[in-house]
Amino acid sequence: MVTIVADEFLTDDRNRKYYADHYTCCPPPFFIIIITLVELGFFLYYFITTGELNPTGPVPIDSIFIYRPNKRSEIWRFLLYMFLHAGWLHLGFNLVVQLLVGLPLEMVHGSGRVFLIYMAGVLAGSLGTSVFDDDVYLVGASGGVYALLAAHLANAFGLPVSYVAHLTGALAGLTIGLLVLKNFEQKLHEQLLWWVALGVYAACTIFAILFNVMKPTEEEAASLGVDGVDSRSVVFNKFGV
């Protein structure tokens, strides 16, 4: 499978040879296998407990894992929403893509690097949603999946390549992919790109965290007489924007 992926997506013969020479099943790609099984397990649990199964459900709206804009203080939700999915179609797409893309990446670059990319995408998805689309609930591993896809593109082409979670996950994959995936022959401009990627991801993450810290709660917004959109304006005013 790694050879097929390399032949299809890598544009340089040296990169294809590197993939062919360095992929290994020992140790196995534990992270992608485990995260896939856990996500499947969560879906089966909610299916069994609700008795509902369709392309867009069940959606465990009251789960302590789902990302909810009015529960921003429960910080685990910014990551653990990835375990929940809105129906078997949502789950199936994410699992298929993360297996097809994640397994080859992990077999070449190792579990630790793929873990960092995946989690960076998941976190970017929730942080981006909290800033730009803060009236929606969020479920699914799409941020991590799109991060893997974008990281593969960054690794294959060395180029930066409408859902906020998908877009921010992909941007996280581009930046973190440039940072942590092994580069076969790093040149000066690629070293500069490495630092740019680090700066972009760090700046965006810090901004989103500060945004959530400074944003009024529902009670505070009500006391100020503002709604969700206006509460964003309150934060931007604090930033001087």
Protein backbone atom coordinates (compact mmCIF):
# COMPACT_ATOMS: atom_id res chain seq x y z
CA MET A 1 0.00 0.00 0.00
CA VAL A 2 2.85 2.39 0.83
CA THR A 3 4.37 1.77 -2.61
CA ILE A 4 1.04 2.51 -4.30
CA VAL A 5 0.61 5.75 -2.35
CA ALA A 6 4.18 6.79 -3.15
CA ASP A 7 3.76 6.06 -6.86
CA GLU A 8 0.49 8.00 -7.04
CA PHE A 9 1.33 11.09 -5.01
CA LEU A 10 5.09 11.62 -4.77
CA THR A 11 6.46 13.61 -7.66
CA ASP A 12 10.17 12.97 -7.15
CA ASP A 13 11.84 9.61 -7.81
CA ARG A 14 14.11 10.08 -4.79
CA ASN A 15 11.08 10.54 -2.54
CA ARG A 16 9.46 7.41 -3.98
CA LYS A 17 12.64 5.45 -3.34
CA TYR A 18 12.80 6.77 0.22
CA TYR A 19 9.24 5.58 0.88
CA ALA A 20 9.99 2.19 -0.65
CA ASP A 21 13.18 1.79 1.40
CA HIS A 22 12.00 3.11 4.76
CA TYR A 23 8.46 1.89 5.32
CA THR A 24 8.21 -0.88 7.89
CA CYS A 25 5.59 -2.92 9.69
CA CYS A 26 7.85 -3.33 12.72
CA PRO A 27 6.81 -1.69 14.91
CA PRO A 28 3.25 -1.74 13.54
CA PRO A 29 1.39 1.54 12.92
CA PHE A 30 -0.19 1.42 16.36
CA PHE A 31 -1.62 4.94 16.50
CA ILE A 32 -3.84 4.84 13.41
CA ILE A 33 -5.03 1.33 14.27
CA ILE A 34 -5.85 2.24 17.89
CA ILE A 35 -7.54 5.58 17.13
CA THR A 36 -9.64 3.89 14.43
CA LEU A 37 -10.78 1.16 16.82
CA VAL A 38 -11.57 3.67 19.57
CA GLU A 39 -13.66 5.84 17.23
CA LEU A 40 -15.49 2.76 15.98
CA GLY A 41 -16.03 1.62 19.58
CA PHE A 42 -17.59 4.95 20.57
CA PHE A 43 -19.93 4.82 17.59
CA LEU A 44 -21.02 1.26 18.43
CA TYR A 45 -21.59 2.22 22.07
CA TYR A 46 -23.94 5.06 21.18
CA PHE A 47 -25.66 2.89 18.58
CA ILE A 48 -26.30 0.18 21.18
CA THR A 49 -27.50 2.63 23.83
CA THR A 50 -29.79 4.61 21.50
CA GLY A 51 -30.84 1.87 19.08
CA GLU A 52 -30.54 4.36 16.24
CA LEU A 53 -28.45 3.88 13.10
CA ASN A 54 -28.66 5.97 9.94
CA PRO A 55 -26.35 8.00 7.71
CA THR A 56 -26.64 11.06 9.94
CA GLY A 57 -27.11 9.55 13.39
CA PRO A 58 -27.01 8.87 16.22
CA VAL A 59 -25.63 12.25 17.28
CA PRO A 60 -24.85 12.10 21.03
CA ILE A 61 -25.77 15.72 21.63
CA ASP A 62 -25.56 15.43 25.43
CA SER A 63 -22.27 13.57 25.51
CA ILE A 64 -19.52 14.98 27.74
CA PHE A 65 -17.16 14.58 24.77
CA ILE A 66 -18.98 16.64 22.13
CA TYR A 67 -17.60 20.13 21.53
CA ARG A 68 -20.22 22.69 22.60
CA PRO A 69 -19.66 26.45 22.37
CA ASN A 70 -21.37 27.00 25.72
CA LYS A 71 -19.05 24.47 27.41
CA ARG A 72 -15.72 26.01 26.47
CA SER A 73 -14.50 25.82 30.06
CA GLU A 74 -14.55 22.01 29.80
CA ILE A 75 -11.30 22.00 27.87
CA TRP A 76 -11.22 18.25 27.16
CA ARG A 77 -14.01 18.82 24.65
CA PHE A 78 -11.55 20.64 22.35
CA LEU A 79 -9.86 17.27 21.69
CA LEU A 80 -12.19 14.45 22.67
CA TYR A 81 -14.97 15.43 20.26
CA MET A 82 -12.96 13.47 17.70
CA PHE A 83 -14.29 10.21 19.16
CA LEU A 84 -17.91 11.00 18.19
CA HIS A 85 -19.44 10.97 14.72
CA ALA A 86 -22.73 12.08 13.18
CA GLY A 87 -23.84 8.84 11.56
CA TRP A 88 -22.22 5.91 9.82
CA LEU A 89 -21.51 7.92 6.66
CA HIS A 90 -19.47 10.48 8.59
CA LEU A 91 -17.66 7.74 10.49
CA GLY A 92 -17.04 5.58 7.43
CA PHE A 93 -15.50 8.40 5.40
CA ASN A 94 -13.15 9.43 8.20
CA LEU A 95 -12.04 5.88 8.99
CA VAL A 96 -11.40 4.95 5.36
CA VAL A 97 -9.37 8.09 4.65
CA GLN A 98 -7.34 7.93 7.85
CA LEU A 99 -6.50 4.29 7.19
CA LEU A 100 -5.56 4.86 3.54
CA VAL A 101 -3.45 7.94 4.27
CA GLY A 102 -2.46 7.49 7.90
CA LEU A 103 -1.13 3.95 7.72
CA PRO A 104 1.44 4.68 4.97
CA LEU A 105 2.53 7.88 6.72
CA GLU A 106 2.95 6.10 10.03
CA MET A 107 4.84 3.17 8.48
CA VAL A 108 7.39 5.62 7.05
CA HIS A 109 7.52 8.46 9.58
CA GLY A 110 6.60 6.69 12.81
CA SER A 111 3.71 6.80 15.27
CA GLY A 112 4.89 9.84 17.21
CA ARG A 113 4.99 12.15 14.20
CA VAL A 114 1.62 11.03 12.88
CA PHE A 115 0.13 11.39 16.38
CA LEU A 116 1.32 15.02 16.53
CA ILE A 117 -0.16 15.83 13.11
CA TYR A 118 -3.49 14.17 13.87
CA MET A 119 -3.95 15.81 17.27
CA ALA A 120 -2.84 19.20 15.92
CA GLY A 121 -5.57 18.92 13.28
CA VAL A 122 -8.21 17.95 15.84
CA LEU A 123 -7.25 20.85 18.11
CA ALA A 124 -7.12 23.29 15.19
CA GLY A 125 -10.59 22.14 14.13
CA SER A 126 -12.20 22.97 17.47
CA LEU A 127 -10.22 26.16 18.03
CA GLY A 128 -11.00 27.40 14.53
CA THR A 129 -14.68 26.59 14.97
CA SER A 130 -14.74 28.38 18.33
CA VAL A 131 -13.45 31.56 16.67
CA PHE A 132 -15.21 31.62 13.29
CA ASP A 133 -18.29 29.40 13.67
CA ASP A 134 -19.03 29.48 17.37
CA ASP A 135 -22.73 28.63 17.28
CA VAL A 136 -22.30 24.99 16.20
CA TYR A 137 -21.62 21.77 18.02
CA LEU A 138 -18.71 19.74 16.73
CA VAL A 139 -18.18 15.98 16.39
CA GLY A 140 -15.87 13.81 14.33
CA ALA A 141 -12.22 13.28 13.55
CA SER A 142 -12.35 15.29 10.32
CA GLY A 143 -9.83 17.83 11.61
CA GLY A 144 -7.30 15.06 12.19
CA VAL A 145 -8.11 13.33 8.91
CA TYR A 146 -7.71 16.51 6.87
CA ALA A 147 -4.49 17.21 8.74
CA LEU A 148 -3.14 13.84 7.57
CA LEU A 149 -4.18 14.59 3.99
CA ALA A 150 -2.61 18.05 4.05
CA ALA A 151 0.55 16.74 5.74
CA HIS A 152 0.89 14.16 3.00
CA LEU A 153 0.55 16.90 0.37
CA ALA A 154 3.10 19.04 2.19
CA ASN A 155 5.46 16.09 2.32
CA ALA A 156 4.86 15.11 -1.29
CA PHE A 157 5.05 18.49 -2.99
CA GLY A 158 6.57 20.87 -0.44
CA LEU A 159 3.78 23.33 -1.29
CA PRO A 160 1.09 24.92 0.79
CA VAL A 161 -1.89 23.61 -0.59
CA SER A 162 -16.70 24.74 3.93
CA TYR A 163 -16.32 23.64 6.98
CA VAL A 164 -14.13 25.51 9.42
CA ALA A 165 -12.98 22.32 11.19
CA HIS A 166 -11.94 20.73 7.89
CA LEU A 167 -10.15 23.85 6.67
CA THR A 168 -8.30 24.55 9.92
CA GLY A 169 -7.45 20.86 10.26
CA ALA A 170 -5.95 20.93 6.79
CA LEU A 171 -3.99 24.09 7.60
CA ALA A 172 -2.70 22.44 10.75
CA GLY A 173 -1.66 19.41 8.72
CA LEU A 174 0.23 21.61 6.28
CA THR A 175 2.14 23.46 8.98
CA ILE A 176 2.74 20.57 11.38
CA GLY A 177 3.44 18.23 8.46
CA LEU A 178 6.25 20.52 7.35
CA LEU A 179 7.54 20.56 10.92
CA VAL A 180 7.55 16.92 11.94
CA LEU A 181 7.62 14.72 8.82
CA LYS A 182 11.07 13.60 7.80
CA ASN A 183 12.47 15.60 4.92
CA PHE A 184 14.62 13.61 2.55
CA GLU A 185 16.98 16.37 1.39
CA GLN A 186 16.42 19.60 3.28
CA LYS A 187 17.58 22.73 1.47
CA LEU A 188 17.93 26.28 2.77
CA HIS A 189 14.51 27.43 1.55
CA GLU A 190 12.95 24.36 3.18
CA GLN A 191 14.61 25.25 6.49
CA LEU A 192 13.11 28.74 6.21
CA LEU A 193 9.72 27.20 5.40
CA TRP A 194 10.06 25.06 8.54
CA TRP A 195 10.38 28.18 10.70
CA VAL A 196 7.52 29.91 8.89
CA ALA A 197 5.28 26.88 9.48
CA LEU A 198 6.21 26.82 13.16
CA GLY A 199 5.44 30.52 13.51
CA VAL A 200 2.11 30.30 11.69
CA TYR A 201 0.81 27.36 13.71
CA ALA A 202 2.01 28.80 17.03
CA ALA A 203 0.54 32.24 16.32
CA CYS A 204 -2.84 30.87 15.23
CA THR A 205 -3.05 28.51 18.20
CA ILE A 206 -2.13 31.20 20.73
CA PHE A 207 -4.63 33.62 19.19
CA ALA A 208 -7.45 31.05 19.31
CA ILE A 209 -6.68 30.12 22.93
CA LEU A 210 -6.62 33.78 23.99
CA PHE A 211 -9.85 34.34 22.06
CA ASN A 212 -11.59 31.61 24.04
CA VAL A 213 -10.19 32.87 27.33
CA MET A 214 -11.33 36.44 26.65
CA LYS A 215 -14.68 35.65 25.06
CA PRO A 216 -17.66 36.33 27.36
CA THR A 217 -19.65 33.35 28.63
CA GLU A 218 -23.34 33.13 27.78
CA GLU A 219 -24.19 34.72 31.12
CA GLU A 220 -21.65 37.52 30.63
CA ALA A 221 -22.86 38.11 27.06
CA ALA A 222 -26.46 38.33 28.29
CA SER A 223 -25.49 40.86 30.95
CA LEU A 224 -23.74 42.91 28.25
CA GLY A 225 -26.78 42.65 25.99
CA VAL A 226 -24.89 41.00 23.12
CA ASP A 227 -25.46 37.80 21.15
CA GLY A 228 -22.88 35.26 19.91
CA VAL A 229 -21.78 37.33 16.92
CA ASP A 230 -21.54 40.52 18.97
CA SER A 231 -19.58 38.72 21.68
CA ARG A 232 -16.93 38.00 19.05
CA SER A 233 -16.78 41.73 18.40
CA VAL A 234 -16.16 42.27 22.10
CA VAL A 235 -13.12 40.02 21.91
CA PHE A 236 -11.80 41.60 18.72
CA ASN A 237 -12.13 45.01 20.35
CA LYS A 238 -9.99 43.76 23.22
CA PHE A 239 -7.40 42.74 20.65
CA GLY A 240 -7.64 46.21 19.13
CA VAL A 241 -9.11 44.89 15.86
